[in-house]
Amino acid sequence: MTGEDRRQALHFAMTGFALALRWLEPWQAYAMAGAAIVVNWALLPALGWDRSIRREGGPFADGVKLYPVAVLAVLVLFPMHVAAAAWGVMGVGDAAANVIGRRLGKPGFLGRADRSLAGTLAFVVTAAPAALGLAMWVGRLDAESMWLPALAAAAAGAAVELVPLPRRLDDNVPIALAAAAAFALVAR
């Protein structure tokens, strides 16, 4: 398993914490995300535990640090079930796009050598059920009313991932915000 594979496995695994949103009050969810920010920004670097999951030459505010910031942002701005869906899009879809894109991603997609059709399809195909399942679980909602918002969230997240960002910017926050906004808009 490469360092990048470890990063993506962690990216995916952290989505499991979204399951707890079913039982948390909003203030508790904010506190948990805030604690994750402290851990990822201060504790992991101080102990050197972030070395195996950081990208060589990556920015200070990398994906490890911005993941819990993205979670906190959607928790504060959207209802819990929408935040859970967005978390699923970011955590599952982004990781799947990376893993599949690196393995099957030749040639590039939409003029970008670092993106592929296979990765983008993997994003949508994995993010939509993750968003659907988490929204249903956290909001205690039925699938019939949630599948279209979940698909919109997955498509919005995948579209944002295709936007070329400067190397110093991570895409976790814009993916989560776009996914949450699309889910909320379509769910109306």
N, C-alpha and C. Protein backbone atom coordinates (compact mmCIF):
# COMPACT_ATOMS: atom_id res chain seq x y z
N MET A 1 0.85 -1.18 0.00
CA MET A 1 0.00 0.00 0.00
C MET A 1 0.90 1.24 0.00
N THR A 2 0.66 2.12 -0.94
CA THR A 2 1.46 3.34 -1.04
C THR A 2 0.99 4.38 -0.02
N GLY A 3 1.78 5.42 0.14
CA GLY A 3 1.39 6.52 1.01
C GLY A 3 0.08 7.15 0.56
N GLU A 4 -0.09 7.27 -0.75
CA GLU A 4 -1.33 7.85 -1.27
C GLU A 4 -2.51 6.93 -1.00
N ASP A 5 -2.29 5.63 -1.09
CA ASP A 5 -3.36 4.68 -0.76
C ASP A 5 -3.75 4.80 0.72
N ARG A 6 -2.77 4.98 1.60
CA ARG A 6 -3.06 5.17 3.02
C ARG A 6 -3.87 6.44 3.25
N ARG A 7 -3.49 7.51 2.56
CA ARG A 7 -4.24 8.77 2.68
C ARG A 7 -5.69 8.57 2.29
N GLN A 8 -5.92 7.89 1.19
CA GLN A 8 -7.28 7.71 0.69
C GLN A 8 -8.08 6.75 1.56
N ALA A 9 -7.43 5.74 2.11
CA ALA A 9 -8.12 4.83 3.03
C ALA A 9 -8.57 5.60 4.27
N LEU A 10 -7.73 6.48 4.77
CA LEU A 10 -8.09 7.30 5.92
C LEU A 10 -9.21 8.28 5.56
N HIS A 11 -9.11 8.88 4.38
CA HIS A 11 -10.14 9.80 3.88
C HIS A 11 -11.50 9.11 3.88
N PHE A 12 -11.52 7.90 3.37
CA PHE A 12 -12.74 7.10 3.31
C PHE A 12 -13.21 6.71 4.71
N ALA A 13 -12.29 6.20 5.53
CA ALA A 13 -12.65 5.69 6.86
C ALA A 13 -13.23 6.76 7.76
N MET A 14 -12.75 7.98 7.66
CA MET A 14 -13.25 9.06 8.52
C MET A 14 -14.73 9.36 8.27
N THR A 15 -15.21 8.94 7.11
CA THR A 15 -16.63 9.13 6.80
C THR A 15 -17.51 8.33 7.76
N GLY A 16 -16.98 7.26 8.31
CA GLY A 16 -17.73 6.46 9.27
C GLY A 16 -18.21 7.25 10.48
N PHE A 17 -17.48 8.30 10.84
CA PHE A 17 -17.91 9.13 11.97
C PHE A 17 -19.22 9.86 11.68
N ALA A 18 -19.57 9.99 10.41
CA ALA A 18 -20.84 10.64 10.07
C ALA A 18 -22.04 9.85 10.59
N LEU A 19 -21.86 8.55 10.79
CA LEU A 19 -22.95 7.73 11.33
C LEU A 19 -23.39 8.22 12.71
N ALA A 20 -22.47 8.78 13.48
CA ALA A 20 -22.79 9.27 14.83
C ALA A 20 -23.72 10.47 14.81
N LEU A 21 -23.82 11.15 13.68
CA LEU A 21 -24.67 12.34 13.61
C LEU A 21 -26.13 12.02 13.92
N ARG A 22 -26.51 10.79 13.75
CA ARG A 22 -27.89 10.39 14.04
C ARG A 22 -28.25 10.65 15.51
N TRP A 23 -27.27 10.52 16.39
CA TRP A 23 -27.53 10.63 17.82
C TRP A 23 -27.02 11.92 18.45
N LEU A 24 -26.32 12.73 17.69
CA LEU A 24 -25.73 13.95 18.25
C LEU A 24 -26.64 15.15 18.06
N GLU A 25 -26.64 16.01 19.05
CA GLU A 25 -27.24 17.33 18.90
C GLU A 25 -26.28 18.16 18.05
N PRO A 26 -26.77 19.19 17.37
CA PRO A 26 -25.86 19.99 16.55
C PRO A 26 -24.64 20.51 17.31
N TRP A 27 -24.82 21.01 18.52
CA TRP A 27 -23.68 21.54 19.27
C TRP A 27 -22.64 20.46 19.56
N GLN A 28 -23.11 19.22 19.75
CA GLN A 28 -22.18 18.12 19.98
C GLN A 28 -21.40 17.78 18.71
N ALA A 29 -22.09 17.84 17.58
CA ALA A 29 -21.42 17.59 16.30
C ALA A 29 -20.38 18.67 16.03
N TYR A 30 -20.73 19.93 16.32
CA TYR A 30 -19.76 21.02 16.14
C TYR A 30 -18.54 20.80 17.04
N ALA A 31 -18.78 20.39 18.27
CA ALA A 31 -17.68 20.16 19.21
C ALA A 31 -16.78 19.03 18.72
N MET A 32 -17.37 17.97 18.20
CA MET A 32 -16.57 16.85 17.69
C MET A 32 -15.73 17.28 16.48
N ALA A 33 -16.35 18.03 15.57
CA ALA A 33 -15.59 18.52 14.41
C ALA A 33 -14.49 19.48 14.87
N GLY A 34 -14.80 20.33 15.85
CA GLY A 34 -13.79 21.23 16.39
C GLY A 34 -12.63 20.47 17.02
N ALA A 35 -12.95 19.40 17.74
CA ALA A 35 -11.89 18.57 18.33
C ALA A 35 -11.03 17.93 17.24
N ALA A 36 -11.66 17.49 16.16
CA ALA A 36 -10.90 16.91 15.05
C ALA A 36 -9.99 17.95 14.41
N ILE A 37 -10.44 19.19 14.35
CA ILE A 37 -9.59 20.26 13.82
C ILE A 37 -8.35 20.42 14.71
N VAL A 38 -8.55 20.45 16.01
CA VAL A 38 -7.42 20.59 16.94
C VAL A 38 -6.46 19.41 16.78
N VAL A 39 -7.00 18.21 16.71
CA VAL A 39 -6.16 17.02 16.55
C VAL A 39 -5.36 17.10 15.24
N ASN A 40 -6.04 17.40 14.13
CA ASN A 40 -5.37 17.38 12.82
C ASN A 40 -4.42 18.55 12.62
N TRP A 41 -4.72 19.71 13.22
CA TRP A 41 -3.88 20.89 13.03
C TRP A 41 -2.73 20.96 14.04
N ALA A 42 -2.93 20.43 15.25
CA ALA A 42 -1.91 20.60 16.30
C ALA A 42 -1.31 19.28 16.77
N LEU A 43 -2.16 18.35 17.18
CA LEU A 43 -1.65 17.13 17.80
C LEU A 43 -0.90 16.23 16.83
N LEU A 44 -1.51 15.91 15.69
CA LEU A 44 -0.83 15.03 14.72
C LEU A 44 0.52 15.58 14.28
N PRO A 45 0.62 16.87 13.89
CA PRO A 45 1.95 17.39 13.52
C PRO A 45 2.93 17.41 14.69
N ALA A 46 2.47 17.76 15.89
CA ALA A 46 3.36 17.82 17.04
C ALA A 46 3.96 16.46 17.36
N LEU A 47 3.18 15.41 17.17
CA LEU A 47 3.66 14.06 17.46
C LEU A 47 4.31 13.40 16.24
N GLY A 48 4.22 14.05 15.09
CA GLY A 48 4.80 13.49 13.86
C GLY A 48 3.96 12.39 13.24
N TRP A 49 2.73 12.26 13.72
CA TRP A 49 1.88 11.17 13.23
C TRP A 49 1.27 11.46 11.87
N ASP A 50 1.44 12.66 11.38
CA ASP A 50 0.87 12.99 10.07
C ASP A 50 1.85 12.74 8.93
N ARG A 51 3.08 12.36 9.25
CA ARG A 51 4.10 12.17 8.20
C ARG A 51 3.73 11.13 7.16
N SER A 52 3.13 10.04 7.59
CA SER A 52 2.84 8.95 6.65
C SER A 52 1.63 9.24 5.77
N ILE A 53 0.88 10.30 6.09
CA ILE A 53 -0.32 10.59 5.29
C ILE A 53 -0.24 11.95 4.60
N ARG A 54 0.86 12.65 4.77
CA ARG A 54 1.03 13.94 4.09
C ARG A 54 1.67 13.72 2.74
N ARG A 55 1.28 14.55 1.78
CA ARG A 55 1.91 14.49 0.46
C ARG A 55 3.22 15.26 0.50
N GLU A 56 4.23 14.68 -0.09
CA GLU A 56 5.54 15.32 -0.16
C GLU A 56 5.43 16.68 -0.84
N GLY A 57 5.92 17.71 -0.19
CA GLY A 57 5.89 19.05 -0.77
C GLY A 57 4.51 19.68 -0.79
N GLY A 58 3.56 19.07 -0.08
CA GLY A 58 2.20 19.61 -0.04
C GLY A 58 2.12 20.87 0.80
N PRO A 59 1.01 21.58 0.68
CA PRO A 59 0.85 22.83 1.44
C PRO A 59 0.65 22.56 2.93
N PHE A 60 0.85 23.57 3.75
CA PHE A 60 0.62 23.43 5.18
C PHE A 60 -0.83 23.06 5.45
N ALA A 61 -1.76 23.78 4.83
CA ALA A 61 -3.19 23.51 4.99
C ALA A 61 -3.61 22.47 3.95
N ASP A 62 -3.20 21.24 4.20
CA ASP A 62 -3.48 20.15 3.25
C ASP A 62 -4.82 19.48 3.56
N GLY A 63 -5.09 18.40 2.86
CA GLY A 63 -6.35 17.70 3.03
C GLY A 63 -6.56 17.15 4.42
N VAL A 64 -5.50 16.73 5.09
CA VAL A 64 -5.62 16.22 6.46
C VAL A 64 -6.16 17.32 7.38
N LYS A 65 -5.68 18.51 7.20
CA LYS A 65 -6.11 19.62 8.05
C LYS A 65 -7.49 20.16 7.62
N LEU A 66 -7.77 20.14 6.34
CA LEU A 66 -9.01 20.75 5.87
C LEU A 66 -10.22 19.82 5.89
N TYR A 67 -10.00 18.53 6.02
CA TYR A 67 -11.11 17.59 6.09
C TYR A 67 -12.06 17.94 7.24
N PRO A 68 -11.58 18.07 8.48
CA PRO A 68 -12.52 18.41 9.56
C PRO A 68 -13.07 19.84 9.44
N VAL A 69 -12.34 20.73 8.79
CA VAL A 69 -12.86 22.08 8.54
C VAL A 69 -14.06 21.99 7.61
N ALA A 70 -13.96 21.16 6.58
CA ALA A 70 -15.07 20.96 5.64
C ALA A 70 -16.28 20.37 6.37
N VAL A 71 -16.03 19.40 7.24
CA VAL A 71 -17.12 18.79 8.00
C VAL A 71 -17.79 19.84 8.88
N LEU A 72 -17.01 20.62 9.59
CA LEU A 72 -17.59 21.66 10.45
C LEU A 72 -18.39 22.67 9.64
N ALA A 73 -17.88 23.05 8.48
CA ALA A 73 -18.57 24.03 7.64
C ALA A 73 -19.96 23.54 7.24
N VAL A 74 -20.06 22.29 6.77
CA VAL A 74 -21.37 21.80 6.35
C VAL A 74 -22.29 21.56 7.54
N LEU A 75 -21.72 21.20 8.67
CA LEU A 75 -22.54 21.02 9.87
C LEU A 75 -23.16 22.33 10.32
N VAL A 76 -22.40 23.40 10.26
CA VAL A 76 -22.88 24.70 10.70
C VAL A 76 -23.88 25.29 9.70
N LEU A 77 -23.66 25.07 8.42
CA LEU A 77 -24.45 25.73 7.39
C LEU A 77 -25.70 24.97 6.94
N PHE A 78 -25.77 23.67 7.21
CA PHE A 78 -26.86 22.86 6.67
C PHE A 78 -27.46 21.96 7.75
N PRO A 79 -28.70 21.46 7.51
CA PRO A 79 -29.27 20.48 8.45
C PRO A 79 -28.38 19.24 8.52
N MET A 80 -28.50 18.52 9.62
CA MET A 80 -27.61 17.38 9.88
C MET A 80 -27.65 16.33 8.77
N HIS A 81 -28.82 16.00 8.25
CA HIS A 81 -28.87 14.95 7.21
C HIS A 81 -28.20 15.44 5.92
N VAL A 82 -28.28 16.72 5.63
CA VAL A 82 -27.61 17.27 4.45
C VAL A 82 -26.09 17.27 4.66
N ALA A 83 -25.67 17.66 5.86
CA ALA A 83 -24.24 17.64 6.19
C ALA A 83 -23.69 16.22 6.10
N ALA A 84 -24.46 15.25 6.57
CA ALA A 84 -24.03 13.85 6.50
C ALA A 84 -23.87 13.41 5.05
N ALA A 85 -24.82 13.79 4.20
CA ALA A 85 -24.74 13.45 2.78
C ALA A 85 -23.49 14.06 2.15
N ALA A 86 -23.23 15.33 2.46
CA ALA A 86 -22.05 16.01 1.91
C ALA A 86 -20.76 15.36 2.41
N TRP A 87 -20.76 14.97 3.65
CA TRP A 87 -19.60 14.27 4.22
C TRP A 87 -19.35 12.97 3.46
N GLY A 88 -20.43 12.25 3.16
CA GLY A 88 -20.29 11.03 2.38
C GLY A 88 -19.72 11.27 0.99
N VAL A 89 -20.18 12.35 0.36
CA VAL A 89 -19.66 12.69 -0.97
C VAL A 89 -18.17 12.99 -0.89
N MET A 90 -17.79 13.82 0.07
CA MET A 90 -16.38 14.20 0.20
C MET A 90 -15.52 13.00 0.60
N GLY A 91 -15.96 12.26 1.60
CA GLY A 91 -15.13 11.18 2.13
C GLY A 91 -15.03 9.97 1.24
N VAL A 92 -16.14 9.58 0.66
CA VAL A 92 -16.16 8.36 -0.16
C VAL A 92 -15.85 8.67 -1.62
N GLY A 93 -16.56 9.64 -2.18
CA GLY A 93 -16.38 9.94 -3.60
C GLY A 93 -14.99 10.43 -3.96
N ASP A 94 -14.47 11.35 -3.16
CA ASP A 94 -13.14 11.90 -3.44
C ASP A 94 -12.06 10.82 -3.33
N ALA A 95 -12.18 9.95 -2.32
CA ALA A 95 -11.21 8.87 -2.16
C ALA A 95 -11.29 7.88 -3.32
N ALA A 96 -12.50 7.52 -3.71
CA ALA A 96 -12.67 6.56 -4.82
C ALA A 96 -12.13 7.14 -6.13
N ALA A 97 -12.40 8.42 -6.36
CA ALA A 97 -11.89 9.05 -7.59
C ALA A 97 -10.37 9.01 -7.63
N ASN A 98 -9.74 9.24 -6.50
CA ASN A 98 -8.28 9.21 -6.44
C ASN A 98 -7.74 7.81 -6.72
N VAL A 99 -8.27 6.82 -6.01
CA VAL A 99 -7.76 5.46 -6.14
C VAL A 99 -8.00 4.91 -7.55
N ILE A 100 -9.22 5.03 -8.03
CA ILE A 100 -9.55 4.50 -9.37
C ILE A 100 -8.85 5.33 -10.45
N GLY A 101 -8.85 6.63 -10.28
CA GLY A 101 -8.20 7.50 -11.26
C GLY A 101 -6.71 7.21 -11.42
N ARG A 102 -6.03 6.95 -10.30
CA ARG A 102 -4.59 6.63 -10.39
C ARG A 102 -4.35 5.29 -11.05
N ARG A 103 -5.26 4.37 -10.91
CA ARG A 103 -5.06 3.03 -11.47
C ARG A 103 -5.57 2.90 -12.91
N LEU A 104 -6.66 3.56 -13.22
CA LEU A 104 -7.29 3.39 -14.54
C LEU A 104 -7.40 4.69 -15.31
N GLY A 105 -6.76 5.73 -14.86
CA GLY A 105 -7.03 7.07 -15.35
C GLY A 105 -6.26 7.57 -16.54
N LYS A 106 -5.93 6.76 -17.45
CA LYS A 106 -5.27 7.26 -18.65
C LYS A 106 -6.25 7.16 -19.80
N PRO A 107 -6.38 8.11 -20.65
CA PRO A 107 -5.73 9.42 -20.64
C PRO A 107 -6.44 10.38 -19.68
N GLY A 108 -6.00 11.64 -19.68
CA GLY A 108 -6.62 12.67 -18.85
C GLY A 108 -8.05 12.95 -19.27
N PHE A 109 -8.71 13.79 -18.50
CA PHE A 109 -10.13 14.08 -18.72
C PHE A 109 -10.34 15.59 -18.73
N LEU A 110 -11.07 16.07 -19.73
CA LEU A 110 -11.39 17.49 -19.87
C LEU A 110 -10.14 18.37 -19.85
N GLY A 111 -9.11 17.88 -20.51
CA GLY A 111 -7.88 18.67 -20.62
C GLY A 111 -7.01 18.65 -19.39
N ARG A 112 -7.30 17.80 -18.42
CA ARG A 112 -6.50 17.73 -17.19
C ARG A 112 -5.83 16.37 -17.10
N ALA A 113 -4.51 16.38 -17.07
CA ALA A 113 -3.77 15.13 -16.97
C ALA A 113 -3.96 14.47 -15.60
N ASP A 114 -4.30 15.26 -14.57
CA ASP A 114 -4.45 14.72 -13.21
C ASP A 114 -5.87 14.29 -12.88
N ARG A 115 -6.76 14.29 -13.85
CA ARG A 115 -8.14 13.82 -13.66
C ARG A 115 -8.47 12.85 -14.79
N SER A 116 -9.40 11.94 -14.53
CA SER A 116 -9.75 10.96 -15.56
C SER A 116 -11.25 10.70 -15.55
N LEU A 117 -11.73 10.22 -16.66
CA LEU A 117 -13.14 9.83 -16.74
C LEU A 117 -13.42 8.70 -15.76
N ALA A 118 -12.50 7.74 -15.65
CA ALA A 118 -12.70 6.62 -14.72
C ALA A 118 -12.79 7.13 -13.29
N GLY A 119 -11.93 8.06 -12.91
CA GLY A 119 -11.97 8.62 -11.56
C GLY A 119 -13.24 9.40 -11.30
N THR A 120 -13.67 10.18 -12.28
CA THR A 120 -14.90 10.96 -12.13
C THR A 120 -16.12 10.05 -12.01
N LEU A 121 -16.17 9.02 -12.82
CA LEU A 121 -17.28 8.06 -12.72
C LEU A 121 -17.25 7.33 -11.37
N ALA A 122 -16.05 6.97 -10.92
CA ALA A 122 -15.93 6.32 -9.60
C ALA A 122 -16.42 7.25 -8.50
N PHE A 123 -16.13 8.53 -8.65
CA PHE A 123 -16.60 9.52 -7.67
C PHE A 123 -18.13 9.46 -7.56
N VAL A 124 -18.81 9.60 -8.69
CA VAL A 124 -20.27 9.67 -8.68
C VAL A 124 -20.89 8.34 -8.25
N VAL A 125 -20.36 7.23 -8.77
CA VAL A 125 -20.93 5.91 -8.49
C VAL A 125 -20.79 5.53 -7.01
N THR A 126 -19.74 6.00 -6.34
CA THR A 126 -19.58 5.69 -4.91
C THR A 126 -20.18 6.77 -4.01
N ALA A 127 -20.11 8.02 -4.43
CA ALA A 127 -20.59 9.12 -3.59
C ALA A 127 -22.11 9.16 -3.49
N ALA A 128 -22.81 8.84 -4.57
CA ALA A 128 -24.27 8.90 -4.53
C ALA A 128 -24.86 7.93 -3.50
N PRO A 129 -24.46 6.65 -3.48
CA PRO A 129 -25.02 5.78 -2.44
C PRO A 129 -24.56 6.16 -1.04
N ALA A 130 -23.33 6.67 -0.91
CA ALA A 130 -22.87 7.12 0.41
C ALA A 130 -23.73 8.28 0.90
N ALA A 131 -23.99 9.24 0.02
CA ALA A 131 -24.83 10.38 0.39
C ALA A 131 -26.24 9.93 0.72
N LEU A 132 -26.79 9.04 -0.10
CA LEU A 132 -28.13 8.53 0.13
C LEU A 132 -28.23 7.81 1.47
N GLY A 133 -27.31 6.90 1.70
CA GLY A 133 -27.34 6.12 2.93
C GLY A 133 -27.17 6.99 4.17
N LEU A 134 -26.24 7.92 4.13
CA LEU A 134 -26.02 8.77 5.30
C LEU A 134 -27.19 9.72 5.54
N ALA A 135 -27.74 10.29 4.48
CA ALA A 135 -28.90 11.18 4.65
C ALA A 135 -30.08 10.41 5.23
N MET A 136 -30.32 9.21 4.74
CA MET A 136 -31.42 8.39 5.25
C MET A 136 -31.17 8.01 6.71
N TRP A 137 -29.96 7.60 7.02
CA TRP A 137 -29.61 7.16 8.38
C TRP A 137 -29.73 8.31 9.37
N VAL A 138 -29.09 9.42 9.07
CA VAL A 138 -29.05 10.54 10.00
C VAL A 138 -30.42 11.22 10.11
N GLY A 139 -31.09 11.40 8.97
CA GLY A 139 -32.37 12.09 8.98
C GLY A 139 -33.58 11.20 9.17
N ARG A 140 -33.32 9.87 9.25
CA ARG A 140 -34.42 8.91 9.36
C ARG A 140 -35.44 9.13 8.24
N LEU A 141 -34.91 9.20 7.03
CA LEU A 141 -35.72 9.52 5.85
C LEU A 141 -35.84 8.31 4.94
N ASP A 142 -36.78 8.35 4.03
CA ASP A 142 -36.96 7.23 3.09
C ASP A 142 -36.14 7.47 1.83
N ALA A 143 -35.77 6.40 1.20
CA ALA A 143 -34.92 6.46 0.00
C ALA A 143 -35.61 7.16 -1.16
N GLU A 144 -36.91 7.00 -1.24
CA GLU A 144 -37.64 7.56 -2.38
C GLU A 144 -37.46 9.07 -2.49
N SER A 145 -37.43 9.75 -1.37
CA SER A 145 -37.30 11.21 -1.41
C SER A 145 -35.85 11.69 -1.41
N MET A 146 -34.90 10.79 -1.23
CA MET A 146 -33.51 11.20 -1.07
C MET A 146 -32.59 10.82 -2.22
N TRP A 147 -33.02 9.94 -3.12
CA TRP A 147 -32.09 9.47 -4.13
C TRP A 147 -31.70 10.56 -5.11
N LEU A 148 -32.63 11.42 -5.51
CA LEU A 148 -32.29 12.49 -6.45
C LEU A 148 -31.38 13.55 -5.81
N PRO A 149 -31.66 14.02 -4.59
CA PRO A 149 -30.72 14.93 -3.95
C PRO A 149 -29.33 14.30 -3.76
N ALA A 150 -29.29 13.01 -3.44
CA ALA A 150 -28.00 12.33 -3.27
C ALA A 150 -27.23 12.30 -4.59
N LEU A 151 -27.91 12.02 -5.68
CA LEU A 151 -27.26 12.01 -6.98
C LEU A 151 -26.77 13.42 -7.36
N ALA A 152 -27.58 14.43 -7.06
CA ALA A 152 -27.17 15.82 -7.33
C ALA A 152 -25.94 16.19 -6.51
N ALA A 153 -25.91 15.76 -5.25
CA ALA A 153 -24.76 16.04 -4.40
C ALA A 153 -23.50 15.38 -4.95
N ALA A 154 -23.63 14.12 -5.39
CA ALA A 154 -22.48 13.41 -5.94
C ALA A 154 -21.98 14.08 -7.23
N ALA A 155 -22.91 14.46 -8.08
CA ALA A 155 -22.53 15.13 -9.34
C ALA A 155 -21.88 16.48 -9.07
N ALA A 156 -22.41 17.23 -8.11
CA ALA A 156 -21.82 18.53 -7.78
C ALA A 156 -20.42 18.36 -7.21
N GLY A 157 -20.24 17.39 -6.33
CA GLY A 157 -18.91 17.12 -5.78
C GLY A 157 -17.92 16.72 -6.86
N ALA A 158 -18.34 15.86 -7.76
CA ALA A 158 -17.46 15.43 -8.85
C ALA A 158 -17.12 16.60 -9.77
N ALA A 159 -18.08 17.46 -10.04
CA ALA A 159 -17.83 18.62 -10.89
C ALA A 159 -16.82 19.56 -10.24
N VAL A 160 -16.97 19.79 -8.95
CA VAL A 160 -16.03 20.68 -8.25
C VAL A 160 -14.62 20.07 -8.24
N GLU A 161 -14.54 18.75 -8.12
CA GLU A 161 -13.23 18.11 -8.13
C GLU A 161 -12.50 18.34 -9.46
N LEU A 162 -13.26 18.54 -10.52
CA LEU A 162 -12.65 18.78 -11.84
C LEU A 162 -12.14 20.20 -12.01
N VAL A 163 -12.54 21.12 -11.13
CA VAL A 163 -12.09 22.51 -11.24
C VAL A 163 -10.61 22.57 -10.88
N PRO A 164 -9.80 23.13 -11.75
CA PRO A 164 -8.37 23.21 -11.43
C PRO A 164 -8.10 24.24 -10.33
N LEU A 165 -7.61 23.77 -9.21
CA LEU A 165 -7.25 24.65 -8.10
C LEU A 165 -5.73 24.78 -8.05
N PRO A 166 -5.24 25.91 -7.55
CA PRO A 166 -3.80 26.02 -7.36
C PRO A 166 -3.31 24.90 -6.44
N ARG A 167 -2.10 24.44 -6.62
CA ARG A 167 -1.55 23.31 -5.86
C ARG A 167 -1.65 23.52 -4.35
N ARG A 168 -1.63 24.76 -3.92
CA ARG A 168 -1.65 25.04 -2.48
C ARG A 168 -3.05 24.95 -1.87
N LEU A 169 -4.06 24.73 -2.71
CA LEU A 169 -5.43 24.64 -2.21
C LEU A 169 -5.94 23.21 -2.31
N ASP A 170 -6.54 22.73 -1.24
CA ASP A 170 -7.12 21.39 -1.22
C ASP A 170 -8.60 21.50 -1.60
N ASP A 171 -9.16 20.44 -2.16
CA ASP A 171 -10.55 20.51 -2.64
C ASP A 171 -11.59 20.00 -1.64
N ASN A 172 -11.20 19.60 -0.44
CA ASN A 172 -12.18 19.06 0.51
C ASN A 172 -13.31 20.05 0.82
N VAL A 173 -12.96 21.28 1.15
CA VAL A 173 -13.99 22.26 1.53
C VAL A 173 -14.92 22.57 0.36
N PRO A 174 -14.42 22.91 -0.83
CA PRO A 174 -15.37 23.18 -1.92
C PRO A 174 -16.21 21.98 -2.33
N ILE A 175 -15.66 20.77 -2.26
CA ILE A 175 -16.45 19.58 -2.59
C ILE A 175 -17.59 19.43 -1.59
N ALA A 176 -17.29 19.52 -0.31
CA ALA A 176 -18.33 19.35 0.71
C ALA A 176 -19.40 20.43 0.60
N LEU A 177 -19.00 21.68 0.40
CA LEU A 177 -19.98 22.77 0.30
C LEU A 177 -20.85 22.63 -0.94
N ALA A 178 -20.25 22.28 -2.07
CA ALA A 178 -21.02 22.11 -3.30
C ALA A 178 -21.99 20.94 -3.18
N ALA A 179 -21.53 19.84 -2.58
CA ALA A 179 -22.40 18.68 -2.40
C ALA A 179 -23.58 19.03 -1.50
N ALA A 180 -23.32 19.71 -0.40
CA ALA A 180 -24.40 20.08 0.53
C ALA A 180 -25.38 21.03 -0.13
N ALA A 181 -24.87 22.02 -0.85
CA ALA A 181 -25.75 22.99 -1.52
C ALA A 181 -26.61 22.30 -2.57
N ALA A 182 -26.03 21.41 -3.36
CA ALA A 182 -26.81 20.70 -4.39
C ALA A 182 -27.86 19.81 -3.74
N PHE A 183 -27.47 19.10 -2.69
CA PHE A 183 -28.44 18.24 -2.00
C PHE A 183 -29.61 19.06 -1.47
N ALA A 184 -29.30 20.15 -0.79
CA ALA A 184 -30.35 20.99 -0.21
C ALA A 184 -31.24 21.60 -1.28
N LEU A 185 -30.65 22.03 -2.37
CA LEU A 185 -31.42 22.66 -3.45
C LEU A 185 -32.39 21.67 -4.10
N VAL A 186 -31.92 20.47 -4.38
CA VAL A 186 -32.76 19.46 -5.05
C VAL A 186 -33.80 18.88 -4.07
N ALA A 187 -33.47 18.84 -2.79
CA ALA A 187 -34.39 18.27 -1.80
C ALA A 187 -35.58 19.17 -1.50
N ARG A 188 -35.55 20.40 -1.94
CA ARG A 188 -36.65 21.34 -1.66
C ARG A 188 -37.95 20.89 -2.26
